[in-house]
Protein backbone atom coordinates (compact mmCIF):
# COMPACT_ATOMS: atom_id res chain seq x y z
CA UNK A 1 0.03 0.17 0.03
CA UNK A 2 1.31 3.40 -0.85
CA UNK A 3 1.47 5.91 1.92
CA UNK A 4 2.60 9.35 2.43
CA UNK A 5 3.32 9.65 6.11
CA UNK A 6 4.97 12.75 6.00
CA UNK A 7 3.49 14.74 2.84
CA UNK A 8 5.27 17.80 3.55
CA UNK A 9 8.79 16.42 3.21
CA UNK A 10 7.99 15.49 -0.66
CA UNK A 11 8.37 18.24 -3.47
CA UNK A 12 5.15 18.82 -5.27
CA UNK A 13 6.78 17.11 -8.26
CA UNK A 14 7.16 14.06 -6.17
CA UNK A 15 3.96 14.10 -4.73
CA UNK A 16 2.24 14.27 -8.26
CA UNK A 17 4.31 11.34 -9.12
CA UNK A 18 3.20 9.12 -6.44
CA UNK A 19 -0.47 10.26 -6.69
CA UNK A 20 0.02 8.99 -10.62
CA UNK A 21 1.19 5.73 -9.10
CA UNK A 22 -1.81 5.62 -6.82
CA UNK A 23 -4.07 5.86 -9.77
CA UNK A 24 -2.10 3.10 -11.74
CA UNK A 25 -2.49 0.45 -8.89
CA UNK A 26 -5.97 1.78 -7.95
CA UNK A 27 -5.43 2.54 -4.58
CA UNK A 28 -6.59 6.32 -4.57
CA UNK A 29 -9.99 5.12 -2.92
CA UNK A 30 -8.34 3.82 0.16
CA UNK A 31 -8.93 6.23 2.90
CA UNK A 32 -5.26 6.38 4.20
CA UNK A 33 -4.03 7.18 0.72
CA UNK A 34 -6.66 9.75 0.22
CA UNK A 35 -5.97 11.42 3.41
CA UNK A 36 -2.31 11.69 2.63
CA UNK A 37 -2.79 13.09 -0.78
CA UNK A 38 -5.28 15.66 0.68
CA UNK A 39 -2.65 16.79 3.14
CA UNK A 40 -0.08 16.93 0.70
CA UNK A 41 -2.06 19.08 -1.75
CA UNK A 42 -3.16 21.63 0.92
CA UNK A 43 0.19 22.00 1.99
CA UNK A 44 1.57 22.34 -1.29
CA UNK A 45 -1.23 25.08 -1.89
CA UNK A 46 -2.89 23.07 -4.62
CA UNK A 47 -6.44 23.48 -3.33
CA UNK A 48 -8.07 22.46 -6.80
CA UNK A 49 -6.24 19.08 -6.48
CA UNK A 50 -7.08 18.58 -3.14
CA UNK A 51 -10.89 19.13 -3.72
CA UNK A 52 -10.79 16.69 -6.71
CA UNK A 53 -9.39 13.87 -4.27
CA UNK A 54 -11.88 14.81 -1.94
CA UNK A 55 -14.77 14.48 -4.14
CA UNK A 56 -13.18 10.96 -5.36
CA UNK A 57 -12.92 9.61 -2.08
CA UNK A 58 -15.71 6.95 -1.51
CA UNK A 59 -14.92 6.80 2.32
CA UNK A 60 -14.18 9.82 4.24
CA UNK A 61 -12.77 9.69 7.89
CA UNK A 62 -12.50 12.62 10.35
CA UNK A 63 -8.94 13.19 9.03
CA UNK A 64 -10.40 13.60 5.57
CA UNK A 65 -12.70 16.18 6.64
CA UNK A 66 -9.91 18.13 8.84
CA UNK A 67 -7.61 18.04 5.96
CA UNK A 68 -10.06 19.51 3.30
CA UNK A 69 -11.17 22.28 6.03
CA UNK A 70 -7.41 23.10 6.85
CA UNK A 71 -6.64 23.14 3.26
CA UNK A 72 -9.26 25.86 2.68
CA UNK A 73 -8.15 27.91 5.56
CA UNK A 74 -4.54 27.66 4.63
CA UNK A 75 -5.74 28.90 0.96
CA UNK A 76 -7.79 31.62 2.40
CA UNK A 77 -11.04 30.35 1.64
CA UNK A 78 -12.82 30.62 4.90
CA UNK A 79 -16.45 30.63 3.62
CA UNK A 80 -15.55 27.28 1.73
CA UNK A 81 -13.97 25.93 5.08
CA UNK A 82 -17.20 26.68 7.04
CA UNK A 83 -19.27 25.16 4.14
CA UNK A 84 -17.24 21.79 4.13
CA UNK A 85 -17.87 21.71 7.98
CA UNK A 86 -21.67 21.87 7.24
CA UNK A 87 -21.44 19.13 4.83
CA UNK A 88 -19.70 17.21 7.58
CA UNK A 89 -22.53 17.69 9.80
CA UNK A 90 -25.19 16.74 7.33
CA UNK A 91 -23.70 13.41 6.85
CA UNK A 92 -24.17 12.59 10.53
CA UNK A 93 -20.87 11.38 11.05
CA UNK A 94 -20.48 9.22 13.91
CA UNK A 95 -17.25 10.89 14.86
CA UNK A 96 -17.61 14.18 16.50
CA UNK A 97 -15.26 17.22 15.37
CA UNK A 98 -12.12 17.15 17.35
CA UNK A 99 -10.12 19.99 18.59
CA UNK A 100 -8.25 20.24 15.15
CA UNK A 101 -11.41 20.77 13.40
CA UNK A 102 -12.58 23.52 15.66
CA UNK A 103 -9.34 25.19 15.57
CA UNK A 104 -9.30 25.37 11.73
CA UNK A 105 -12.73 26.74 11.75
CA UNK A 106 -12.24 29.37 14.26
CA UNK A 107 -9.08 30.41 12.09
CA UNK A 108 -11.28 30.78 9.02
CA UNK A 109 -13.68 32.79 11.10
CA UNK A 110 -10.81 35.25 12.31
CA UNK A 111 -9.04 35.32 8.72
CA UNK A 112 -12.39 36.51 6.91
CA UNK A 113 -13.54 38.66 9.92
CA UNK A 114 -16.64 36.69 10.19
CA UNK A 115 -17.51 37.46 13.77
CA UNK A 116 -21.20 36.33 13.38
CA UNK A 117 -20.16 32.68 12.25
CA UNK A 118 -17.51 32.72 14.86
CA UNK A 119 -20.05 33.39 17.60
CA UNK A 120 -22.18 30.51 16.08
CA UNK A 121 -19.26 28.33 16.27
CA UNK A 122 -18.61 29.48 20.17
CA UNK A 123 -22.10 28.59 20.80
CA UNK A 124 -21.45 25.21 19.30
CA UNK A 125 -18.47 24.64 21.21
CA UNK A 126 -20.45 25.18 24.32
CA UNK A 127 -23.25 22.88 23.33
CA UNK A 128 -20.78 20.25 22.36
CA UNK A 129 -18.96 20.20 25.61
CA UNK A 130 -15.74 21.78 24.43
CA UNK A 131 -15.68 24.62 27.31
CA UNK A 132 -12.97 27.19 27.19
CA UNK A 133 -10.88 25.81 30.13
CA UNK A 134 -10.72 22.52 28.55
CA UNK A 135 -8.53 23.29 25.66
CA UNK A 136 -5.99 26.09 25.52
CA UNK A 137 -5.68 25.93 21.86
CA UNK A 138 -9.42 26.32 21.05
CA UNK A 139 -9.31 29.04 23.68
CA UNK A 140 -6.53 30.69 22.13
CA UNK A 141 -8.26 30.48 18.76
CA UNK A 142 -11.17 32.14 20.32
CA UNK A 143 -9.22 34.97 21.77
CA UNK A 144 -7.71 35.51 18.39
CA UNK A 145 -10.89 35.42 16.61
CA UNK A 146 -12.91 38.14 18.69
CA UNK A 147 -9.40 40.38 18.79
CA UNK A 148 -9.25 40.35 15.03
CA UNK A 149 -13.15 41.15 14.77
CA UNK A 150 -12.37 43.95 17.12
CA UNK A 151 -14.85 42.71 20.21
CA UNK A 152 -12.12 43.07 22.85
CA UNK A 153 -14.78 42.47 25.63
CA UNK A 154 -15.60 39.01 24.32
CA UNK A 155 -11.83 38.15 23.79
CA UNK A 156 -11.29 39.09 27.36
CA UNK A 157 -13.89 36.95 28.38
CA UNK A 158 -12.36 34.04 26.44
CA UNK A 159 -8.93 34.68 27.59
CA UNK A 160 -10.12 34.93 31.49
CA UNK A 161 -11.46 31.37 31.11
CA UNK A 162 -7.97 29.69 30.17
CA UNK A 163 -6.50 28.07 32.85
CA UNK A 164 -3.15 27.60 31.28
CA UNK A 165 -2.55 30.65 29.10
CA UNK A 166 -0.16 30.18 26.45
CA UNK A 167 1.92 33.00 25.25
CA UNK A 168 0.17 33.46 21.88
CA UNK A 169 -3.00 34.06 23.68
CA UNK A 170 -1.39 36.65 25.87
CA UNK A 171 0.30 38.57 22.75
CA UNK A 172 -2.94 38.36 20.97
CA UNK A 173 -5.05 40.37 23.34
CA UNK A 174 -2.08 42.52 24.22
CA UNK A 175 -1.98 43.58 20.79
CA UNK A 176 -5.56 43.82 20.26
CA UNK A 177 -6.00 46.42 22.94
CA UNK A 178 -2.75 48.30 21.47
CA UNK A 179 -4.12 48.24 17.96
CA UNK A 180 -7.48 49.66 19.17
CA UNK A 181 -5.80 52.37 21.01
CA UNK A 182 -6.49 51.10 24.28
CA UNK A 183 -2.87 51.51 25.51
CA UNK A 184 -3.50 51.58 29.37
CA UNK A 185 -5.28 48.22 29.04
CA UNK A 186 -2.57 46.74 26.85
CA UNK A 187 0.58 47.93 29.15
CA UNK A 188 -1.61 46.50 32.22
CA UNK A 189 -2.03 43.27 30.45
CA UNK A 190 1.90 43.12 29.65
CA UNK A 191 2.62 43.98 33.35
CA UNK A 192 0.41 41.06 34.30
CA UNK A 193 2.43 39.03 32.13
CA UNK A 194 5.49 40.06 33.75
CA UNK A 195 4.42 39.56 36.73
CA UNK A 196 4.08 35.75 35.98
CA UNK A 197 7.76 35.77 35.38
CA UNK A 198 6.95 34.24 31.86
CA UNK A 199 9.76 34.00 29.17
CA UNK A 200 8.39 36.54 26.97
CA UNK A 201 9.62 35.81 23.64
CA UNK A 202 10.83 38.10 20.73
CA UNK A 203 7.64 37.93 18.55
CA UNK A 204 5.80 39.40 21.75
CA UNK A 205 8.29 42.17 22.14
CA UNK A 206 8.60 43.04 18.47
CA UNK A 207 4.81 43.21 17.95
CA UNK A 208 4.14 45.54 21.00
CA UNK A 209 7.08 47.76 19.99
CA UNK A 210 5.57 47.79 16.39
CA UNK A 211 2.29 48.94 17.55
CA UNK A 212 3.91 52.04 19.59
CA UNK A 213 6.12 52.75 16.43
CA UNK A 214 2.78 52.78 14.25
CA UNK A 215 1.28 55.16 16.66
CA UNK A 216 4.51 57.08 17.38
CA UNK A 217 4.29 56.71 20.92
CA UNK A 218 7.77 57.56 21.94
CA UNK A 219 7.38 57.55 25.97
CA UNK A 220 5.94 53.98 25.70
CA UNK A 221 8.21 52.93 23.11
CA UNK A 222 10.93 53.97 25.22
CA UNK A 223 9.95 51.90 28.16
CA UNK A 224 9.60 48.65 26.04
CA UNK A 225 13.10 49.43 24.83
CA UNK A 226 14.39 49.54 28.50
CA UNK A 227 12.51 46.32 29.31
CA UNK A 228 13.81 44.51 26.30
CA UNK A 229 17.57 45.11 27.16
CA UNK A 230 16.82 43.32 30.51
CA UNK A 231 15.07 40.25 28.72
CA UNK A 232 17.16 37.37 26.89
CA UNK A 233 14.66 37.65 24.03
CA UNK A 234 15.10 41.61 23.89
CA UNK A 235 18.89 40.91 22.39
CA UNK A 236 17.55 39.08 19.19
CA UNK A 237 17.94 40.83 15.91
CA UNK A 238 14.41 40.89 15.33
CA UNK A 239 13.67 42.94 18.45
CA UNK A 240 16.62 45.54 17.71
CA UNK A 241 15.03 46.04 14.33
CA UNK A 242 11.57 46.89 15.93
CA UNK A 243 13.51 49.33 18.26
CA UNK A 244 15.26 50.84 15.63
CA UNK A 245 11.99 51.32 13.40
CA UNK A 246 10.35 52.47 16.38
CA UNK A 247 12.64 55.36 17.27
CA UNK A 248 12.47 56.54 13.23
CA UNK A 249 8.79 56.52 13.25
CA UNK A 250 8.67 58.46 16.41
CA UNK A 251 10.73 60.97 14.63
CA UNK A 252 13.92 60.34 16.78
CA UNK A 253 16.86 59.84 14.28
CA UNK A 254 19.51 60.10 16.80
CA UNK A 255 18.15 57.43 18.98
CA UNK A 256 17.56 55.02 16.20
CA UNK A 257 21.26 55.44 14.97
CA UNK A 258 22.48 54.87 18.43
CA UNK A 259 20.46 51.52 18.59
CA UNK A 260 21.60 50.33 15.29
CA UNK A 261 25.25 51.07 16.17
CA UNK A 262 24.88 48.96 19.43
CA UNK A 263 23.04 46.18 17.71
CA UNK A 264 25.21 42.72 18.23
CA UNK A 265 24.39 41.40 15.09
CA UNK A 266 22.54 42.81 11.87
CA UNK A 267 20.72 41.21 9.09
CA UNK A 268 19.62 42.70 5.79
CA UNK A 269 16.11 43.71 7.47
CA UNK A 270 18.14 45.89 10.04
CA UNK A 271 19.80 47.87 7.13
CA UNK A 272 16.50 48.05 5.25
CA UNK A 273 14.87 49.53 8.65
CA UNK A 274 17.69 52.14 8.52
CA UNK A 275 17.38 53.05 4.74
CA UNK A 276 13.66 53.12 5.15
CA UNK A 277 14.00 55.55 8.18
CA UNK A 278 16.28 57.79 6.60
CA UNK A 279 14.24 57.89 3.48
CA UNK A 280 11.16 58.87 5.30
CA UNK A 281 13.01 61.80 6.95
CA UNK A 282 14.53 63.10 3.65
CA UNK A 283 17.68 62.11 4.37
CA UNK A 284 18.41 60.50 1.01
CA UNK A 285 22.30 61.09 1.37
CA UNK A 286 22.34 59.11 4.49
CA UNK A 287 20.21 56.26 2.91
CA UNK A 288 22.66 56.01 0.07
CA UNK A 289 25.68 55.90 2.24
CA UNK A 290 24.43 53.41 4.69
CA UNK A 291 23.20 51.23 1.47
CA UNK A 292 26.72 51.18 0.18
CA UNK A 293 27.93 50.52 3.57
CA UNK A 294 25.92 47.29 3.68
CA UNK A 295 27.42 46.42 0.48
CA UNK A 296 30.91 46.59 1.69
CA UNK A 297 29.74 44.35 4.89
CA UNK A 298 29.00 41.73 1.96
CA UNK A 299 25.19 41.72 2.50
CA UNK A 300 23.18 41.42 -0.56
CA UNK A 301 20.26 43.53 -0.55
CA UNK A 302 16.82 42.00 -1.35
CA UNK A 303 14.07 43.29 -3.42
CA UNK A 304 12.61 45.11 -0.04
CA UNK A 305 15.98 46.74 0.45
CA UNK A 306 16.10 48.04 -3.06
CA UNK A 307 12.67 49.63 -2.81
CA UNK A 308 13.57 51.25 0.30
CA UNK A 309 16.47 52.71 -1.37
CA UNK A 310 14.50 53.81 -4.24
CA UNK A 311 11.92 55.29 -2.17
CA UNK A 312 14.56 57.36 -0.15
CA UNK A 313 15.95 58.73 -3.49
CA UNK A 314 12.49 59.63 -4.64
CA UNK A 315 11.88 61.70 -1.25
CA UNK A 316 14.97 63.34 -1.25
CA UNK A 317 14.63 64.17 -5.09
CA UNK A 318 17.88 62.18 -5.98
CA UNK A 319 17.05 61.81 -9.60
CA UNK A 320 20.47 60.51 -10.81
CA UNK A 321 21.19 58.43 -7.78
CA UNK A 322 17.80 56.91 -8.20
CA UNK A 323 18.26 55.88 -11.95
CA UNK A 324 21.38 54.44 -11.23
CA UNK A 325 20.06 52.18 -8.42
CA UNK A 326 17.42 51.08 -10.79
CA UNK A 327 19.82 50.38 -13.38
CA UNK A 328 21.81 47.97 -10.88
CA UNK A 329 18.54 46.48 -9.57
CA UNK A 330 17.75 45.34 -13.40
CA UNK A 331 21.07 43.84 -13.89
CA UNK A 332 20.80 41.81 -10.60
CA UNK A 333 20.62 38.22 -10.81
CA UNK A 334 17.68 36.68 -8.62
CA UNK A 335 15.90 39.81 -8.05
CA UNK A 336 12.86 40.70 -10.26
CA UNK A 337 11.72 44.17 -10.00
CA UNK A 338 8.09 44.77 -8.59
CA UNK A 339 5.71 47.57 -9.91
CA UNK A 340 6.51 49.18 -6.69
CA UNK A 341 10.14 49.36 -7.68
CA UNK A 342 8.79 50.90 -11.11
CA UNK A 343 6.61 53.41 -9.21
CA UNK A 344 9.67 54.93 -7.33
CA UNK A 345 11.35 55.77 -10.81
CA UNK A 346 7.79 57.20 -11.93
CA UNK A 347 7.69 59.31 -8.93
CA UNK A 348 11.61 60.58 -9.60
CA UNK A 349 10.96 61.24 -13.18
CA UNK A 350 7.69 63.01 -12.07
CA UNK A 351 9.54 65.08 -9.45
CA UNK A 352 11.95 66.27 -12.15
CA UNK A 353 8.84 67.24 -14.54
CA UNK A 354 9.77 64.37 -16.65
CA UNK A 355 6.25 63.45 -16.94
CA UNK A 356 6.00 62.02 -20.47
CA UNK A 357 8.86 59.81 -19.59
CA UNK A 358 7.60 58.46 -16.52
CA UNK A 359 4.27 57.74 -18.81
CA UNK A 360 6.42 56.01 -21.37
CA UNK A 361 8.08 53.86 -18.37
CA UNK A 362 4.53 52.78 -17.19
CA UNK A 363 3.40 51.79 -20.82
CA UNK A 364 6.63 49.72 -21.72
CA UNK A 365 7.52 48.19 -18.33
CA UNK A 366 7.27 44.01 -18.42
CA UNK A 367 4.61 43.93 -15.57
CA UNK A 368 1.04 45.11 -15.58
CA UNK A 369 0.74 48.68 -13.78
CA UNK A 370 -1.36 48.80 -10.89
CA UNK A 371 -3.52 51.39 -9.12
CA UNK A 372 -0.68 52.77 -7.04
CA UNK A 373 1.51 53.72 -9.84
CA UNK A 374 -1.05 55.61 -11.93
CA UNK A 375 -1.80 57.28 -8.61
CA UNK A 376 1.97 58.57 -8.44
CA UNK A 377 2.02 59.62 -11.82
CA UNK A 378 -1.39 61.54 -11.30
CA UNK A 379 0.01 63.51 -8.19
CA UNK A 380 2.99 64.50 -10.22
CA UNK A 381 0.80 65.82 -12.82
CA UNK A 382 -0.95 67.88 -10.13
CA UNK A 383 2.13 69.15 -8.99
CA UNK A 384 3.37 70.35 -12.34
CA UNK A 385 -0.08 71.39 -13.54
CA UNK A 386 -0.01 69.16 -16.54
CA UNK A 387 -3.90 69.07 -16.89
CA UNK A 388 -3.79 67.04 -20.57
CA UNK A 389 -1.86 64.21 -19.24
CA UNK A 390 -3.37 64.43 -15.71
CA UNK A 391 -6.82 63.91 -17.07
CA UNK A 392 -5.55 60.87 -19.28
CA UNK A 393 -4.39 59.11 -16.31
CA UNK A 394 -7.13 60.04 -14.29
CA UNK A 395 -9.56 58.57 -16.70
CA UNK A 396 -7.37 55.18 -16.47
CA UNK A 397 -7.68 55.35 -12.90
CA UNK A 398 -11.41 55.72 -12.76
CA UNK A 399 -11.80 52.83 -15.29
CA UNK A 400 -9.49 50.16 -13.66
CA UNK A 401 -10.64 51.50 -9.82
CA UNK A 402 -13.63 53.24 -9.98
CA UNK A 403 -14.75 52.28 -6.65
CA UNK A 404 -11.80 54.00 -4.75
CA UNK A 405 -12.59 57.36 -3.43
CA UNK A 406 -9.10 58.44 -3.39
CA UNK A 407 -9.22 58.64 -7.04
CA UNK A 408 -12.01 61.09 -7.22
CA UNK A 409 -10.06 63.28 -4.76
CA UNK A 410 -6.98 63.19 -6.89
CA UNK A 411 -8.97 64.22 -9.88
CA UNK A 412 -11.02 66.88 -7.97
CA UNK A 413 -7.75 68.45 -6.60
CA UNK A 414 -6.18 68.41 -10.11
CA UNK A 415 -9.36 70.39 -11.27
CA UNK A 416 -9.57 72.49 -8.43
CA UNK A 417 -5.89 73.54 -8.59
CA UNK A 418 -6.15 74.57 -12.39
CA UNK A 419 -9.41 76.47 -11.59
CA UNK A 420 -11.71 73.98 -13.42
CA UNK A 421 -14.54 74.36 -10.95
CA UNK A 422 -17.23 72.62 -12.97
CA UNK A 423 -15.12 69.61 -13.62
CA UNK A 424 -14.00 69.55 -9.93
CA UNK A 425 -17.43 69.76 -8.92
CA UNK A 426 -18.84 67.09 -11.36
CA UNK A 427 -15.85 64.88 -10.19
CA UNK A 428 -16.87 65.34 -6.47
CA UNK A 429 -20.53 64.72 -7.50
CA UNK A 430 -19.71 61.38 -9.10
CA UNK A 431 -18.09 60.11 -6.14
CA UNK A 432 -20.89 61.08 -3.93
CA UNK A 433 -23.54 59.29 -6.28
CA UNK A 434 -21.42 56.16 -5.98
CA UNK A 435 -21.50 56.71 -2.16
CA UNK A 436 -18.04 56.76 -1.86
CA UNK A 437 -16.25 58.12 1.06
CA UNK A 438 -12.56 58.91 1.45
CA UNK A 439 -10.80 57.52 4.46
CA UNK A 440 -11.38 60.02 7.38
CA UNK A 441 -8.41 61.97 8.20
CA UNK A 442 -6.99 61.60 11.88
CA UNK A 443 -4.17 63.01 13.74
CA UNK A 444 -2.78 62.55 16.91
CA UNK A 445 -0.37 64.52 19.45
CA UNK A 446 1.07 63.47 22.75
CA UNK A 447 1.11 65.95 25.54
CA UNK A 448 2.22 65.07 29.10
CA UNK A 449 2.37 61.42 28.33
CA UNK A 450 -1.26 61.24 27.13
CA UNK A 451 -2.34 60.77 23.63
CA UNK A 452 -5.03 62.96 21.99
CA UNK A 453 -6.66 61.62 18.86
CA UNK A 454 -8.37 63.99 16.41
CA UNK A 455 -10.58 63.69 13.40
CA UNK A 456 -10.99 66.26 10.82
CA UNK A 457 -14.18 68.41 11.77
CA UNK A 458 -14.94 66.85 14.80
CA UNK A 459 -15.57 68.69 17.96
CA UNK A 460 -15.83 66.20 20.62
CA UNK A 461 -12.53 66.92 22.57
CA UNK A 462 -13.29 68.68 25.79
CA UNK A 463 -10.89 71.50 24.88
CA UNK A 464 -12.63 72.22 21.73
CA UNK A 465 -13.36 75.91 22.31
CA UNK A 466 -9.93 76.43 23.48
CA UNK A 467 -8.42 74.72 20.50
CA UNK A 468 -10.46 76.98 18.16
CA UNK A 469 -9.61 80.25 19.85
CA UNK A 470 -5.92 79.40 19.84
CA UNK A 471 -6.07 78.58 16.15
CA UNK A 472 -7.92 81.98 15.46
CA UNK A 473 -5.52 83.81 17.55
CA UNK A 474 -2.61 82.17 15.44
CA UNK A 475 -4.24 83.01 12.17
CA UNK A 476 -4.51 86.64 13.26
CA UNK A 477 -1.05 86.82 13.95
CA UNK A 478 -0.17 85.14 10.78
CA UNK A 479 -2.25 87.65 8.64
CA UNK A 480 -0.80 90.81 10.49
CA UNK A 481 2.89 89.46 10.50
CA UNK A 482 3.24 87.49 7.18
CA UNK A 483 -0.10 88.44 5.31
CA UNK A 484 -0.91 84.92 5.31
CA UNK A 485 -4.19 83.78 4.06
CA UNK A 486 -5.84 80.27 3.67
CA UNK A 487 -5.34 78.34 0.35
CA UNK A 488 -8.83 78.77 -0.48
CA UNK A 489 -8.56 77.66 -4.12
CA UNK A 490 -8.17 73.88 -2.68
CA UNK A 491 -11.67 74.05 -1.13
CA UNK A 492 -14.98 73.91 -2.90
CA UNK A 493 -15.86 77.06 -4.76
CA UNK A 494 -19.36 77.18 -4.17
CA UNK A 495 -19.35 78.13 -0.56
CA UNK A 496 -18.53 81.37 1.09
CA UNK A 497 -15.04 82.33 2.05
CA UNK A 498 -15.78 82.03 5.84
CA UNK A 499 -17.25 78.60 5.49
CA UNK A 500 -14.14 77.52 3.48
CA UNK A 501 -11.85 78.75 6.37
CA UNK A 502 -14.01 76.91 8.91
CA UNK A 503 -13.46 73.76 6.91
CA UNK A 504 -9.63 74.11 6.75
CA UNK A 505 -9.27 75.30 10.18
CA UNK A 506 -11.01 71.87 11.28
CA UNK A 507 -8.32 69.46 9.53
CA UNK A 508 -7.09 66.98 12.15
CA UNK A 509 -3.59 68.03 12.11
CA UNK A 510 -4.40 71.69 12.76
CA UNK A 511 -6.71 70.53 15.53
CA UNK A 512 -3.82 68.62 17.15
CA UNK A 513 -1.39 71.58 16.81
CA UNK A 514 -3.91 73.93 18.34
CA UNK A 515 -4.14 71.88 21.33
CA UNK A 516 -0.27 71.53 21.64
CA UNK A 517 -0.04 75.22 21.48
CA UNK A 518 -3.30 75.88 23.73
CA UNK A 519 -1.35 73.65 26.42
CA UNK A 520 1.60 76.01 26.60
CA UNK A 521 3.56 75.58 23.31
CA UNK A 522 2.99 79.09 22.29
CA UNK A 523 4.90 80.34 25.31
CA UNK A 524 7.89 77.98 24.73
CA UNK A 525 10.24 79.26 21.77
CA UNK A 526 12.52 76.59 20.64
CA UNK A 527 10.06 73.65 21.62
CA UNK A 528 9.47 70.81 19.24
CA UNK A 529 5.74 69.98 18.67
CA UNK A 530 5.25 66.23 17.06
CA UNK A 531 2.05 65.55 15.42
CA UNK A 532 1.12 62.44 13.47
CA UNK A 533 -1.37 61.77 10.87
CA UNK A 534 -2.93 58.73 9.03
CA UNK A 535 -3.10 60.60 5.46
CA UNK A 536 -0.93 62.73 3.53
CA UNK A 537 -0.76 66.30 4.87
CA UNK A 538 -2.81 68.76 2.54
CA UNK A 539 -1.25 71.59 0.67
CA UNK A 540 -2.89 74.22 3.13
CA UNK A 541 -1.91 72.52 6.32
CA UNK A 542 1.76 72.33 4.98
CA UNK A 543 1.73 76.08 4.18
CA UNK A 544 -0.02 76.80 7.67
CA UNK A 545 2.58 74.89 9.65
CA UNK A 546 5.60 76.60 7.88
CA UNK A 547 3.88 79.84 8.69
CA UNK A 548 3.25 78.87 12.29
CA UNK A 549 6.88 77.83 12.76
CA UNK A 550 8.18 81.01 11.53
CA UNK A 551 6.14 83.22 13.82
CA UNK A 552 6.28 81.28 17.09
CA UNK A 553 10.12 79.85 16.59
CA UNK A 554 8.56 76.52 17.54
CA UNK A 555 9.84 73.35 15.53
CA UNK A 556 7.13 71.17 14.19
CA UNK A 557 7.82 67.32 13.05
CA UNK A 558 4.80 66.15 11.16
CA UNK A 559 4.81 62.44 10.14
CA UNK A 560 2.14 61.79 7.37
CA UNK A 561 1.27 58.63 5.41
CA UNK A 562 4.28 59.36 3.05
CA UNK A 563 7.17 60.93 5.05
CA UNK A 564 8.19 63.05 7.87
CA UNK A 565 8.08 66.88 7.68
CA UNK A 566 10.39 68.84 9.51
CA UNK A 567 9.04 72.60 9.91
CA UNK A 568 11.45 75.29 11.24
CA UNK A 569 11.60 79.02 10.68
CA UNK A 570 9.19 78.89 7.95
CA UNK A 571 10.59 76.01 5.83
CA UNK A 572 10.18 72.26 5.51
CA UNK A 573 12.66 69.43 5.09
CA UNK A 574 10.52 68.26 2.06
CA UNK A 575 11.44 71.22 0.05
CA UNK A 576 7.61 71.68 -0.64
CA UNK A 577 7.80 68.48 -2.68
CA UNK A 578 6.27 65.21 -1.16
């Protein structure tokens, strides 16, 4: 009898060969062989072949159903996994689903965000006698399900019922709280974990530091760094990489450089983190320098590293260096340039005003252009005021990605900047008709270790009145001292100027800055205010912050979705090109 005891040890080629042998000797219908074939194809990612074997099997055991369900989950077909479980129930199997079945189903629900199906499955677990304390694996999967679906209350309940809590359950819940902005609860859970004297692994440390990095919470990040150096796992390269990344994302370049220099070992990710960090801060020359230093250390860059250094050239307007690096990439054996690499070159050419060359590169590159590369070109058309090419690119974008509200916003901005008010209004109306809403702008600022979040246009903050009055006072000084006026041409033309100013004043980054200034920042010359935003900073806010930095002598560091902007004495590190 042909069996595949360890199918993952076989290459796909050998697996297909053995399958063919099974057909020749007529053994495919045997349950053991069918199960092994199912397992092999599932682990090789060949879900269609697995389905074919499953259909051909006359007799199916619990192992057969488990292999098919797990195969669907691994392939990302959560709905099919649940449907297969339904078929399994309908066949009135004598064997009940086991822990492996239920864990796979919970993974299917969490990976697809099917919270309702997950709750039904939870109810089935209770009815079937699979109480949470009886299985740490199932309970951990429940915690993961509720965390990924944003139901932290249920996640906490499932977690509390686990008698012997595994590290994966702790990390899942801690990260869930952190990602939802519940940092007090996240740190409280982490302290509980510490008190148990558990061996906190590098994955947990890296993940938590990564969350603080994404939210640019420097104080919490520093606390985690201080803890990491005291733990054995904190010395691992992956943790050090996360610490360096955290400092860069918090705008603390000096600290990032110091940590990198002190690392005991460095891998290609370490160097890539440095290159990316320098690039985001507009330090293109430093990015090129450390890339060359990496080469001297005989570390070969991978495709991500090349993307980081090309992006750094783009952010710093280093046209020649970027073109030279891209040529080197094309000649590198074993690395196939992705569309993101081409997008960096398109951005480089676009910055130099070489828009036709950028369009030609897109038209002739050997891979299919994606939405992002067309958006890159459209943004450069807007910067250089090329309406003809911008309209052409905009039509392409709306054709291939007509449900993305960002494309309508970009086209609207292109028309508005050129004074084409009718076209701007029509574009916005087209987006409204399709019920498309762009992602809401959100900014946050940390004041005395407390993080304050703002969404554009909201007035829920308890100091809203003080924030608005502070902003109006700053605006008065800007008019008197600099003759500054709002960039009204970037707003809708069919409302009065006062309403336009109200709209612009309510942008999330301005509200965050208003709070920082109202909290004593105006009286502290030489102070630095750090603000972080989830979207690209708009033209008017960029001009506003430049002007505020000039009259207040306060430095502003603003991190948006694209890069860092360092404002000082009326100038920005991006050179007004981002």
